[in-house]
Every structure is written in C-alpha cells, then in structure tokens.
Amino acid sequence: MEQLLRVKDLRKKRILNGITFEMKQGEMMAVMGPSGSGKSTLLYNVAGMDRPDGGEVWLGNTQITGRTENEKAGLRLHRMGFVFQQMNMLANLNILDNILLPALHAGKNGHGKKQELRRRAQALMEKLSISGLEQRRINEVSGGQLQRACICRSMMNEPEILFADEPTGALNKGAAEEVMAELGRLNREGTAMLIVTHDSRVASRCDRVIYLLDGRICGELALGKQTGEPGRQRTDAVNDWLAGMGW
C-alpha cells in the first residue's frame, strides 16, 4: 500500500513534542493515552483545524502545514471526513438534509447534481442501516442512529481519510459496537481512518495503535487488519499492552 499520511516532528506549545508517524492508504489507526496526553490536539493539528508551532503534515503529495486557512478548509472539505463525539447536526434540518450539507457546501449542487447527491446519501444510509430515517429530525432517532448519520455525512465527498475523535464516547455499548462495525466496513472498502479513543474495544478493531504520553508517542501496537468481528483475543491484547504502558 502507498503512503497516505506523513507526520514529521509535529509540535504544539507544550502539548505535542515532536510527533512523527506515517499511515498507508486504507489503514485504520487508533490513538490512545491518558487525558491530557495530546490525542485530540494531535488529530486537530494533523487535519489542519489547528496550526502547529512546527513540523510537517503531508496528505499524499500535498503539504497541509503552511497552507492558508482557506486552502486547508478546501482540503478538509474535499479530501477528509470527520466524526466527533459531539455530533454537530443541525436541529432545523432533517437527517437527509444534514447528510447532504458537505456535498452542497462543496459546490456539487449544480444542474442535475442534487438528485444524484440525494441518491448517494440514501445509498450511504442504506449501507449503514438507517434507511427510512431520511425525514426524521435529530431528536427523533437514537444516539447510535444519529452517529451513523454523521458517518454518512462524513463520507458524502468520498474522503481519502476519516478523522474520528471519540466517535463512540456518547454511546452505550450496543450502539458503540454497531457504529464501530460500520466504520470497520467502510475501512475495509478503502477509507483510511485515524481514531482517537479511550476504549480498548474500539482500538481492537484497528490495524495499529499508538500511545501518547506527555505529547510524545511512547508505544505502538501492531494488530494487523481485522477480518470479520473482533474476537476477545484482540481486545485482550490491547488491554495487556495498555497495562504495560501504565494505562
């Protein structure tokens, strides 16, 4: 697999202290560590939502660091997807219209395009098992259904990589497992993912886990590509590794 993301000596005040790692196309990687270790700061700086004090971030052959805010916004819109613990859906829109927003914002609503976009949104909803909820408001669906709608929204512009910050943090165990199963399926279809999580069950679905402490990567666990549902053995391997890291 070809290299997709390259992060070199990334620094941010006293939060990130020389972070270096690479991701390949189609890879699914988790970032773990105690609260305050710099996990979310790392994600935001890699994705260009915050400006680091030093270092480089490359998405393919495109350097993200050093670009203008407008240029970075364009990269996020067209080449990246985002899923957060706080789902940030608009209460005045139904589920389908919320999902359509990124594609409309990207200027893909020209003549004949809107119907095509609606078909794509509905296909994503069917793939993530929430078809039939198009006209519901965000307070008329469960938390798991709403997070799956957020994943649909993140995939509308066919991103190369999806960034997720605690995507299951607000969900119960059953809904969290459903959401991670859908993210795993999208990953197996080719979308790379960088996921910040505190949950070893989430990390067990990833190919690789890195551990942050005091703004540095101080450990890495290679799990390999998951096939099918993760067994208890993968979660136990993550928990044993975390215990060794002082989790």
Protein backbone atom coordinates (compact mmCIF):
# COMPACT_ATOMS: atom_id res chain seq x y z
CA MET A 1 0.00 0.00 0.00
CA GLU A 2 1.15 3.51 -0.76
CA GLN A 3 1.79 6.12 1.90
CA LEU A 4 -1.22 8.39 2.54
CA LEU A 5 -0.37 10.49 5.59
CA ARG A 6 3.03 11.59 6.84
CA VAL A 7 3.55 13.50 10.08
CA LYS A 8 7.07 14.66 10.91
CA ASP A 9 8.27 16.32 14.14
CA LEU A 10 4.87 17.91 14.86
CA ARG A 11 4.99 20.37 17.77
CA LYS A 12 2.33 22.47 19.51
CA LYS A 13 3.32 24.57 22.54
CA ARG A 14 3.79 22.13 25.43
CA ILE A 15 1.14 19.70 24.19
CA LEU A 16 2.81 17.98 21.21
CA ASN A 17 6.55 17.36 21.45
CA GLY A 18 7.87 16.04 18.16
CA ILE A 19 5.24 13.61 16.88
CA THR A 20 6.32 11.53 13.89
CA PHE A 21 4.35 8.73 12.21
CA GLU A 22 3.06 7.57 8.83
CA MET A 23 -0.17 5.97 7.62
CA LYS A 24 -0.73 3.93 4.49
CA GLN A 25 -3.72 4.07 2.22
CA GLY A 26 -6.62 2.15 3.73
CA GLU A 27 -5.02 1.87 7.16
CA MET A 28 -7.07 2.17 10.35
CA MET A 29 -5.11 3.54 13.29
CA ALA A 30 -6.11 4.35 16.87
CA VAL A 31 -4.54 7.00 19.10
CA MET A 32 -4.73 6.25 22.83
CA GLY A 33 -3.33 7.74 26.00
CA PRO A 34 -4.41 9.31 29.28
CA SER A 35 -6.44 12.52 29.42
CA GLY A 36 -4.23 15.50 28.62
CA SER A 37 -1.71 13.47 26.65
CA GLY A 38 -2.40 15.40 23.42
CA LYS A 39 -4.62 12.97 21.49
CA SER A 40 -7.29 15.41 20.30
CA THR A 41 -4.70 18.15 19.77
CA LEU A 42 -2.80 15.76 17.51
CA LEU A 43 -5.89 15.00 15.45
CA TYR A 44 -6.83 18.67 15.07
CA ASN A 45 -3.31 19.66 14.02
CA VAL A 46 -2.91 16.79 11.58
CA ALA A 47 -6.25 17.66 9.96
CA GLY A 48 -5.37 21.35 9.64
CA MET A 49 -8.05 22.56 12.06
CA ASP A 50 -5.32 23.98 14.29
CA ARG A 51 -1.93 25.44 13.40
CA PRO A 52 1.11 23.65 14.88
CA ASP A 53 4.18 25.51 16.05
CA GLY A 54 6.48 23.31 14.00
CA GLY A 55 6.77 20.17 11.92
CA GLU A 56 5.14 18.95 8.73
CA VAL A 57 1.96 17.12 7.76
CA TRP A 58 1.54 15.67 4.27
CA LEU A 59 -1.59 14.13 2.77
CA GLY A 60 -0.29 12.24 -0.23
CA ASN A 61 1.83 14.75 -2.16
CA THR A 62 0.10 17.75 -0.58
CA GLN A 63 1.66 19.50 2.39
CA ILE A 64 -1.06 20.65 4.81
CA THR A 65 1.11 22.67 7.17
CA GLY A 66 1.93 26.13 5.88
CA ARG A 67 -1.17 26.47 3.72
CA THR A 68 -3.68 29.27 4.17
CA GLU A 69 -6.82 28.69 6.23
CA ASN A 70 -8.94 28.72 3.05
CA GLU A 71 -6.69 26.15 1.39
CA LYS A 72 -6.83 23.88 4.44
CA ALA A 73 -10.62 24.24 4.59
CA GLY A 74 -10.77 23.11 0.97
CA LEU A 75 -8.62 20.06 1.74
CA ARG A 76 -10.84 19.15 4.68
CA LEU A 77 -13.98 19.52 2.59
CA HIS A 78 -12.83 17.55 -0.43
CA ARG A 79 -10.31 15.01 0.87
CA MET A 80 -11.13 14.41 4.55
CA GLY A 81 -14.12 13.30 6.60
CA PHE A 82 -14.81 13.95 10.28
CA VAL A 83 -16.79 12.17 13.01
CA PHE A 84 -16.87 13.55 16.56
CA GLN A 85 -18.33 12.59 19.93
CA GLN A 86 -20.44 15.76 19.76
CA MET A 87 -22.32 15.11 16.56
CA ASN A 88 -23.00 18.73 15.50
CA MET A 89 -26.13 18.02 13.47
CA LEU A 90 -28.43 20.98 12.71
CA ALA A 91 -31.71 20.73 14.61
CA ASN A 92 -33.67 22.66 11.95
CA LEU A 93 -32.85 20.09 9.24
CA ASN A 94 -33.95 16.50 8.82
CA ILE A 95 -31.44 13.64 8.76
CA LEU A 96 -31.12 13.52 4.97
CA ASP A 97 -30.51 17.26 4.63
CA ASN A 98 -27.88 17.12 7.38
CA ILE A 99 -26.09 14.36 5.49
CA LEU A 100 -26.23 16.34 2.23
CA LEU A 101 -24.65 19.51 3.68
CA PRO A 102 -20.94 18.79 2.98
CA ALA A 103 -21.59 17.93 -0.67
CA LEU A 104 -23.75 21.02 -1.16
CA HIS A 105 -21.11 23.15 0.52
CA ALA A 106 -18.51 21.66 -1.84
CA GLY A 107 -20.46 23.12 -4.76
CA LYS A 108 -21.79 19.82 -6.05
CA ASN A 109 -25.37 21.08 -6.37
CA GLY A 110 -25.33 22.19 -9.99
CA HIS A 111 -27.86 21.24 -12.64
CA GLY A 112 -28.90 17.62 -12.22
CA LYS A 113 -26.48 17.11 -9.33
CA LYS A 114 -28.81 17.45 -6.37
CA GLN A 115 -30.80 14.33 -7.26
CA GLU A 116 -27.56 12.44 -7.75
CA LEU A 117 -26.40 13.58 -4.31
CA ARG A 118 -29.68 12.52 -2.74
CA ARG A 119 -29.24 9.07 -4.27
CA ARG A 120 -25.69 8.88 -2.89
CA ALA A 121 -26.87 9.98 0.58
CA GLN A 122 -29.67 7.42 0.55
CA ALA A 123 -27.27 4.70 -0.60
CA LEU A 124 -24.97 5.53 2.31
CA MET A 125 -27.92 5.46 4.71
CA GLU A 126 -28.89 2.03 3.42
CA LYS A 127 -25.31 0.80 3.75
CA LEU A 128 -25.20 1.97 7.38
CA SER A 129 -28.65 0.50 8.14
CA ILE A 130 -30.52 3.78 8.72
CA SER A 131 -32.61 3.94 5.55
CA GLY A 132 -36.15 5.10 6.27
CA LEU A 133 -34.97 7.85 8.65
CA GLU A 134 -34.48 10.50 5.95
CA GLN A 135 -37.30 12.79 7.13
CA ARG A 136 -36.73 12.35 10.86
CA ARG A 137 -35.39 15.21 12.97
CA ILE A 138 -32.24 14.64 15.00
CA ASN A 139 -34.26 14.34 18.24
CA GLU A 140 -36.38 11.57 16.70
CA VAL A 141 -33.61 8.97 16.33
CA SER A 142 -31.38 7.08 18.75
CA GLY A 143 -27.81 8.11 19.54
CA GLY A 144 -26.42 5.21 17.53
CA GLN A 145 -28.60 6.07 14.53
CA LEU A 146 -27.53 9.71 14.75
CA GLN A 147 -23.85 8.80 14.85
CA ARG A 148 -24.30 6.56 11.81
CA ALA A 149 -25.92 9.53 10.06
CA CYS A 150 -22.82 11.55 10.97
CA ILE A 151 -20.67 8.86 9.34
CA CYS A 152 -22.83 9.10 6.21
CA ARG A 153 -22.29 12.87 6.23
CA SER A 154 -18.52 12.40 6.58
CA MET A 155 -18.47 10.07 3.55
CA MET A 156 -20.51 12.24 1.16
CA ASN A 157 -17.45 13.72 -0.57
CA GLU A 158 -15.65 10.33 -0.74
CA PRO A 159 -12.73 11.29 1.55
CA GLU A 160 -9.34 9.66 1.41
CA ILE A 161 -9.14 9.64 5.21
CA LEU A 162 -11.65 9.93 8.02
CA PHE A 163 -10.66 11.56 11.33
CA ALA A 164 -12.71 10.47 14.35
CA ASP A 165 -12.44 11.95 17.86
CA GLU A 166 -14.07 9.61 20.42
CA PRO A 167 -16.78 8.59 17.91
CA THR A 168 -18.39 6.18 20.41
CA GLY A 169 -17.85 8.25 23.56
CA ALA A 170 -21.51 9.33 23.88
CA LEU A 171 -22.99 5.92 23.01
CA ASN A 172 -23.98 2.88 25.04
CA LYS A 173 -22.09 -0.38 24.49
CA GLY A 174 -24.50 -1.81 21.92
CA ALA A 175 -24.68 1.37 19.84
CA ALA A 176 -20.89 1.79 20.05
CA GLU A 177 -20.34 -1.71 18.68
CA GLU A 178 -22.76 -1.05 15.82
CA VAL A 179 -21.04 2.22 14.90
CA MET A 180 -17.57 0.63 15.01
CA ALA A 181 -18.78 -2.26 12.85
CA GLU A 182 -19.87 0.27 10.22
CA LEU A 183 -16.59 2.18 10.43
CA GLY A 184 -14.73 -1.11 10.06
CA ARG A 185 -16.72 -1.97 6.97
CA LEU A 186 -16.01 1.42 5.38
CA ASN A 187 -12.33 0.96 6.18
CA ARG A 188 -12.27 -2.44 4.50
CA GLU A 189 -13.75 -0.74 1.44
CA GLY A 190 -10.72 1.56 1.30
CA THR A 191 -11.20 4.63 3.54
CA ALA A 192 -8.25 5.26 5.87
CA MET A 193 -9.13 6.22 9.46
CA LEU A 194 -7.34 7.93 12.34
CA ILE A 195 -9.37 7.41 15.53
CA VAL A 196 -8.82 8.98 18.95
CA THR A 197 -10.32 6.74 21.62
CA HIS A 198 -10.22 5.72 25.28
CA ASP A 199 -11.97 2.42 24.50
CA SER A 200 -9.86 -0.71 24.05
CA ARG A 201 -12.74 -2.37 22.16
CA VAL A 202 -12.59 0.43 19.59
CA ALA A 203 -8.81 0.16 19.36
CA SER A 204 -9.05 -3.61 18.89
CA ARG A 205 -10.79 -3.05 15.55
CA CYS A 206 -7.82 -1.04 14.24
CA ASP A 207 -4.74 -2.24 12.39
CA ARG A 208 -2.39 -0.33 14.66
CA VAL A 209 -2.49 1.61 17.94
CA ILE A 210 -0.13 4.36 19.06
CA TYR A 211 0.12 5.52 22.68
CA LEU A 212 0.67 9.18 23.57
CA LEU A 213 2.09 10.36 26.86
CA ASP A 214 3.12 13.95 27.56
CA GLY A 215 2.81 14.83 23.89
CA ARG A 216 5.08 12.05 22.63
CA ILE A 217 4.50 8.66 21.05
CA CYS A 218 5.87 6.23 23.61
CA GLY A 219 4.50 2.96 22.28
CA GLU A 220 2.95 1.24 19.28
CA LEU A 221 0.96 -1.97 18.92
CA ALA A 222 0.55 -3.68 15.53
CA LEU A 223 -2.63 -5.77 15.37
CA GLY A 224 -2.92 -6.33 11.64
CA LYS A 225 -6.05 -6.00 9.51
CA GLN A 226 -9.17 -7.28 11.21
CA THR A 227 -11.28 -9.80 9.33
CA GLY A 228 -14.84 -10.22 10.50
CA GLU A 229 -15.92 -9.43 14.04
CA PRO A 230 -13.07 -8.89 16.52
CA GLY A 231 -12.60 -11.72 18.97
CA ARG A 232 -11.91 -11.31 22.65
CA GLN A 233 -8.28 -12.11 21.91
CA ARG A 234 -7.72 -8.78 20.11
CA THR A 235 -9.28 -6.75 22.93
CA ASP A 236 -7.25 -8.70 25.50
CA ALA A 237 -4.08 -7.98 23.50
CA VAL A 238 -4.86 -4.25 23.57
CA ASN A 239 -5.64 -4.31 27.31
CA ASP A 240 -2.44 -6.22 28.10
CA TRP A 241 -0.42 -3.76 26.03
CA LEU A 242 -2.10 -0.77 27.70
CA ALA A 243 -1.34 -2.23 31.11
CA GLY A 244 2.31 -2.45 30.10
CA MET A 245 2.19 1.21 29.06
CA GLY A 246 0.90 2.17 32.53
CA TRP A 247 -2.73 2.71 31.47
